[in-house]
């Protein structure tokens, strides 16, 4: 019986040697994490190198109340004028000076304001620094002209506070920053994949790692009833 058990017992060392000769040693269970991180690093770096740099220039206008208007009213009108800075009528005024179509102008300008200050920041973006400044200044002037036509009725006037100048540095991220962001995103996806993969795949990876380390894999055998339980079952059947 002992000889038979020894013969049935698998030789894990020989299996490990055969697997190593065939090149079938499975990778570690955590291999998706560095693989996804490296893939994200390559993708982010390539995006930063291939994408053309984008520049941003900002022009500021401020809402000034007249003698009969409270300062809080100017703050409210600044919020309202910031919403119409990118409207079709304002962009139509700005289009001749900006030198681009209204459709492009709509996608290359944005307006922001603060709830604590009656100032509007108008930012133009473009692949050319000079064009970015022209877009911001054109929209700021158009917004001032259109709003000042109703200044007598509203009691608030928009004045140009600061003109935009051509920027020297791009606003888009550089290649190293894009690569770092891609690596972080890839590592996050790899970690999520490790957590969300099926349990069968995790057991297979653990068994492969155990074989690669030289430890015998855990074998599962069917549970058989004990001899006493089998006898009791036969007695119950005979009584029936």
Protein backbone atom coordinates (compact mmCIF):
# COMPACT_ATOMS: atom_id res chain seq x y z
CA UNK A 1 0.00 0.00 0.00
CA UNK A 2 2.83 2.40 0.80
CA UNK A 3 4.48 1.65 -2.54
CA UNK A 4 1.20 2.29 -4.32
CA UNK A 5 0.73 5.64 -2.53
CA UNK A 6 4.27 6.64 -3.40
CA UNK A 7 3.68 5.78 -7.01
CA UNK A 8 0.46 7.82 -7.13
CA UNK A 9 2.08 10.84 -5.46
CA UNK A 10 3.11 13.29 -8.23
CA UNK A 11 6.68 14.42 -8.50
CA UNK A 12 6.39 18.21 -8.36
CA UNK A 13 10.08 18.75 -8.94
CA UNK A 14 10.00 16.92 -12.22
CA UNK A 15 6.88 18.81 -13.26
CA UNK A 16 8.56 22.08 -12.40
CA UNK A 17 11.64 21.16 -14.43
CA UNK A 18 9.51 20.16 -17.41
CA UNK A 19 7.52 23.38 -17.21
CA UNK A 20 10.72 25.43 -17.01
CA UNK A 21 12.16 23.63 -20.03
CA UNK A 22 9.02 24.29 -22.03
CA UNK A 23 8.86 27.92 -20.88
CA UNK A 24 5.45 27.38 -19.28
CA UNK A 25 6.23 28.86 -15.87
CA UNK A 26 3.24 31.15 -15.23
CA UNK A 27 3.82 34.84 -14.44
CA UNK A 28 3.14 36.14 -10.92
CA UNK A 29 -0.42 36.91 -9.91
CA UNK A 30 0.21 40.67 -9.80
CA UNK A 31 1.53 40.95 -13.38
CA UNK A 32 -1.40 43.14 -14.66
CA UNK A 33 -0.39 45.96 -12.29
CA UNK A 34 3.07 46.77 -13.75
CA UNK A 35 1.92 45.87 -17.26
CA UNK A 36 -0.95 48.37 -17.16
CA UNK A 37 1.28 51.00 -15.53
CA UNK A 38 3.89 50.68 -18.28
CA UNK A 39 1.20 50.75 -20.95
CA UNK A 40 -0.29 53.92 -19.44
CA UNK A 41 3.17 55.51 -19.23
CA UNK A 42 3.80 54.82 -22.91
CA UNK A 43 0.37 56.08 -23.96
CA UNK A 44 0.59 59.25 -21.85
CA UNK A 45 4.11 60.04 -23.03
CA UNK A 46 3.13 59.53 -26.66
CA UNK A 47 0.10 61.79 -26.21
CA UNK A 48 2.25 64.54 -24.70
CA UNK A 49 4.81 64.33 -27.51
CA UNK A 50 2.41 64.07 -30.45
CA UNK A 51 -0.24 66.57 -29.34
CA UNK A 52 0.48 70.15 -30.32
CA UNK A 53 0.89 72.55 -27.36
CA UNK A 54 -2.07 74.75 -26.50
CA UNK A 55 -1.79 78.31 -25.19
CA UNK A 56 -4.25 80.28 -23.06
CA UNK A 57 -4.58 84.05 -22.60
CA UNK A 58 -7.00 85.81 -20.23
CA UNK A 59 -8.61 89.24 -20.40
CA UNK A 60 -10.49 90.80 -17.46
CA UNK A 61 -13.51 93.09 -17.43
CA UNK A 62 -15.12 94.52 -14.31
CA UNK A 63 -18.71 95.60 -13.63
CA UNK A 64 -18.80 99.14 -12.21
CA UNK A 65 -22.06 100.56 -10.72
CA UNK A 66 -23.01 104.20 -11.14
CA UNK A 67 -23.81 106.60 -8.31
CA UNK A 68 -27.41 105.43 -7.99
CA UNK A 69 -26.69 101.67 -7.98
CA UNK A 70 -25.63 99.50 -5.06
CA UNK A 71 -22.41 97.41 -5.34
CA UNK A 72 -24.39 94.19 -4.83
CA UNK A 73 -26.27 94.94 -8.03
CA UNK A 74 -23.01 95.13 -9.98
CA UNK A 75 -22.06 91.71 -8.60
CA UNK A 76 -25.31 90.22 -9.88
CA UNK A 77 -24.89 91.78 -13.32
CA UNK A 78 -21.34 90.43 -13.52
CA UNK A 79 -22.72 86.92 -13.05
CA UNK A 80 -25.30 87.56 -15.77
CA UNK A 81 -22.82 89.02 -18.24
CA UNK A 82 -20.47 86.07 -17.72
CA UNK A 83 -23.25 83.76 -18.92
CA UNK A 84 -23.81 85.70 -22.15
CA UNK A 85 -20.10 86.16 -22.91
CA UNK A 86 -20.16 83.02 -25.08
CA UNK A 87 -23.60 83.63 -26.61
CA UNK A 88 -24.11 83.85 -30.34
CA UNK A 89 -24.67 87.61 -30.33
CA UNK A 90 -21.48 88.36 -28.40
CA UNK A 91 -19.40 86.02 -30.53
CA UNK A 92 -20.81 87.61 -33.69
CA UNK A 93 -19.48 90.99 -32.48
CA UNK A 94 -16.09 89.44 -31.66
CA UNK A 95 -15.67 87.37 -34.84
CA UNK A 96 -14.21 90.10 -37.14
CA UNK A 97 -11.46 91.02 -34.68
CA UNK A 98 -10.73 87.43 -33.67
CA UNK A 99 -10.24 86.42 -37.29
CA UNK A 100 -11.80 82.95 -36.97
CA UNK A 101 -15.26 81.55 -37.53
CA UNK A 102 -17.96 81.75 -34.88
CA UNK A 103 -18.02 77.96 -34.59
CA UNK A 104 -14.30 77.83 -33.77
CA UNK A 105 -14.61 80.86 -31.52
CA UNK A 106 -17.29 79.13 -29.45
CA UNK A 107 -14.99 76.19 -28.71
CA UNK A 108 -11.91 78.32 -27.98
CA UNK A 109 -13.24 80.81 -25.45
CA UNK A 110 -14.65 80.52 -21.94
CA UNK A 111 -15.83 83.03 -19.32
CA UNK A 112 -15.53 82.67 -15.56
CA UNK A 113 -16.52 84.86 -12.64
CA UNK A 114 -16.35 84.79 -8.86
CA UNK A 115 -19.37 85.07 -6.55
CA UNK A 116 -17.36 87.48 -4.37
CA UNK A 117 -16.06 89.87 -7.04
CA UNK A 118 -17.77 91.70 -9.97
CA UNK A 119 -14.95 90.72 -12.33
CA UNK A 120 -15.21 88.48 -15.39
CA UNK A 121 -12.25 86.50 -16.70
CA UNK A 122 -12.44 85.73 -20.43
CA UNK A 123 -9.91 83.14 -21.58
CA UNK A 124 -9.02 82.36 -25.18
CA UNK A 125 -7.24 79.16 -26.15
CA UNK A 126 -5.35 78.37 -29.34
CA UNK A 127 -2.27 76.63 -30.70
CA UNK A 128 -0.85 80.09 -31.40
CA UNK A 129 -0.05 82.44 -28.46
CA UNK A 130 -0.97 85.55 -30.43
CA UNK A 131 -4.28 84.09 -31.58
CA UNK A 132 -5.19 83.14 -28.02
CA UNK A 133 -4.67 86.74 -26.90
CA UNK A 134 -6.65 88.09 -29.87
CA UNK A 135 -9.59 85.81 -29.06
CA UNK A 136 -9.72 86.88 -25.40
CA UNK A 137 -9.47 90.59 -26.21
CA UNK A 138 -12.03 90.40 -29.01
CA UNK A 139 -14.65 88.73 -26.80
CA UNK A 140 -13.93 91.11 -23.91
CA UNK A 141 -14.42 94.15 -26.14
CA UNK A 142 -17.59 92.70 -27.68
CA UNK A 143 -19.05 91.97 -24.26
CA UNK A 144 -18.25 95.48 -23.04
CA UNK A 145 -19.83 97.14 -26.09
CA UNK A 146 -23.00 95.04 -26.01
CA UNK A 147 -23.55 95.46 -22.27
CA UNK A 148 -22.81 99.19 -22.18
CA UNK A 149 -25.64 99.82 -24.63
CA UNK A 150 -28.02 99.09 -21.75
CA UNK A 151 -25.92 100.78 -19.04
CA UNK A 152 -28.41 103.63 -18.66
CA UNK A 153 -31.18 101.20 -17.79
CA UNK A 154 -29.14 98.76 -15.68
CA UNK A 155 -26.96 101.28 -13.85
CA UNK A 156 -23.93 99.01 -14.36
CA UNK A 157 -21.14 99.48 -16.87
CA UNK A 158 -18.50 96.97 -17.97
CA UNK A 159 -14.97 98.34 -18.18
CA UNK A 160 -11.88 96.64 -19.52
CA UNK A 161 -9.66 95.95 -16.50
CA UNK A 162 -6.74 94.14 -18.12
CA UNK A 163 -6.04 93.09 -21.69
CA UNK A 164 -4.72 89.66 -22.57
CA UNK A 165 -1.14 89.32 -23.79
CA UNK A 166 0.42 86.49 -25.78
CA UNK A 167 1.59 83.79 -23.35
CA UNK A 168 5.11 82.40 -23.43
CA UNK A 169 4.45 78.97 -21.91
CA UNK A 170 1.81 76.48 -23.10
CA UNK A 171 -1.14 75.64 -20.87
CA UNK A 172 -1.30 72.01 -21.99
CA UNK A 173 0.66 69.44 -19.93
CA UNK A 174 4.15 68.47 -21.04
CA UNK A 175 5.23 64.98 -22.08
CA UNK A 176 6.63 64.00 -18.62
CA UNK A 177 3.43 65.11 -16.89
CA UNK A 178 1.27 63.29 -19.44
CA UNK A 179 3.38 60.16 -18.98
CA UNK A 180 3.07 60.33 -15.18
CA UNK A 181 -0.70 60.76 -15.41
CA UNK A 182 -0.93 57.84 -17.84
CA UNK A 183 1.17 55.64 -15.56
CA UNK A 184 -1.04 56.42 -12.56
CA UNK A 185 -4.18 55.73 -14.57
CA UNK A 186 -2.76 52.46 -15.90
CA UNK A 187 -1.71 51.33 -12.44
CA UNK A 188 -5.18 52.13 -11.12
CA UNK A 189 -6.82 50.10 -13.89
CA UNK A 190 -4.44 47.20 -13.26
CA UNK A 191 -5.26 47.23 -9.55
CA UNK A 192 -8.98 47.32 -10.26
CA UNK A 193 -8.58 44.40 -12.65
CA UNK A 194 -6.81 42.39 -9.94
CA UNK A 195 -9.66 43.07 -7.52
CA UNK A 196 -12.46 42.40 -10.00
CA UNK A 197 -11.12 39.32 -11.80
CA UNK A 198 -12.95 35.98 -11.24
CA UNK A 199 -12.01 33.80 -8.27
CA UNK A 200 -11.11 30.92 -10.61
CA UNK A 201 -8.40 33.05 -12.20
CA UNK A 202 -7.03 34.00 -8.78
CA UNK A 203 -6.82 30.35 -7.70
CA UNK A 204 -5.09 29.46 -10.95
CA UNK A 205 -2.53 32.21 -10.46
CA UNK A 206 -1.90 31.16 -6.86
CA UNK A 207 -1.37 27.56 -7.93
CA UNK A 208 1.00 28.66 -10.70
CA UNK A 209 2.96 30.82 -8.28
CA UNK A 210 3.25 27.89 -5.87
CA UNK A 211 4.59 25.62 -8.61
CA UNK A 212 7.08 28.28 -9.67
CA UNK A 213 8.28 28.64 -6.08
CA UNK A 214 8.74 24.88 -5.70
CA UNK A 215 5.85 24.31 -3.29
CA UNK A 216 3.43 21.48 -4.08
CA UNK A 217 0.03 22.76 -5.26
CA UNK A 218 -2.98 22.17 -3.12
CA UNK A 219 -4.89 19.21 -4.47
CA UNK A 220 -8.60 18.83 -3.99
CA UNK A 221 -10.12 15.43 -3.38
CA UNK A 222 -13.70 14.42 -3.17
CA UNK A 223 -14.92 13.97 0.37
CA UNK A 224 -15.84 10.35 1.06
CA UNK A 225 -18.05 9.25 3.94
CA UNK A 226 -16.36 7.56 6.85
CA UNK A 227 -16.62 3.81 7.30
CA UNK A 228 -18.81 4.15 10.39
CA UNK A 229 -21.19 6.51 8.61
CA UNK A 230 -21.44 4.08 5.72
CA UNK A 231 -22.35 1.25 8.10
CA UNK A 232 -25.01 3.37 9.80
CA UNK A 233 -26.52 4.19 6.44
CA UNK A 234 -26.76 0.47 5.58
CA UNK A 235 -28.46 -0.29 8.94
CA UNK A 236 -31.04 2.43 8.36
CA UNK A 237 -31.78 1.07 4.90
CA UNK A 238 -32.22 -2.47 6.28
CA UNK A 239 -34.65 -1.21 8.94
CA UNK A 240 -36.71 0.51 6.27
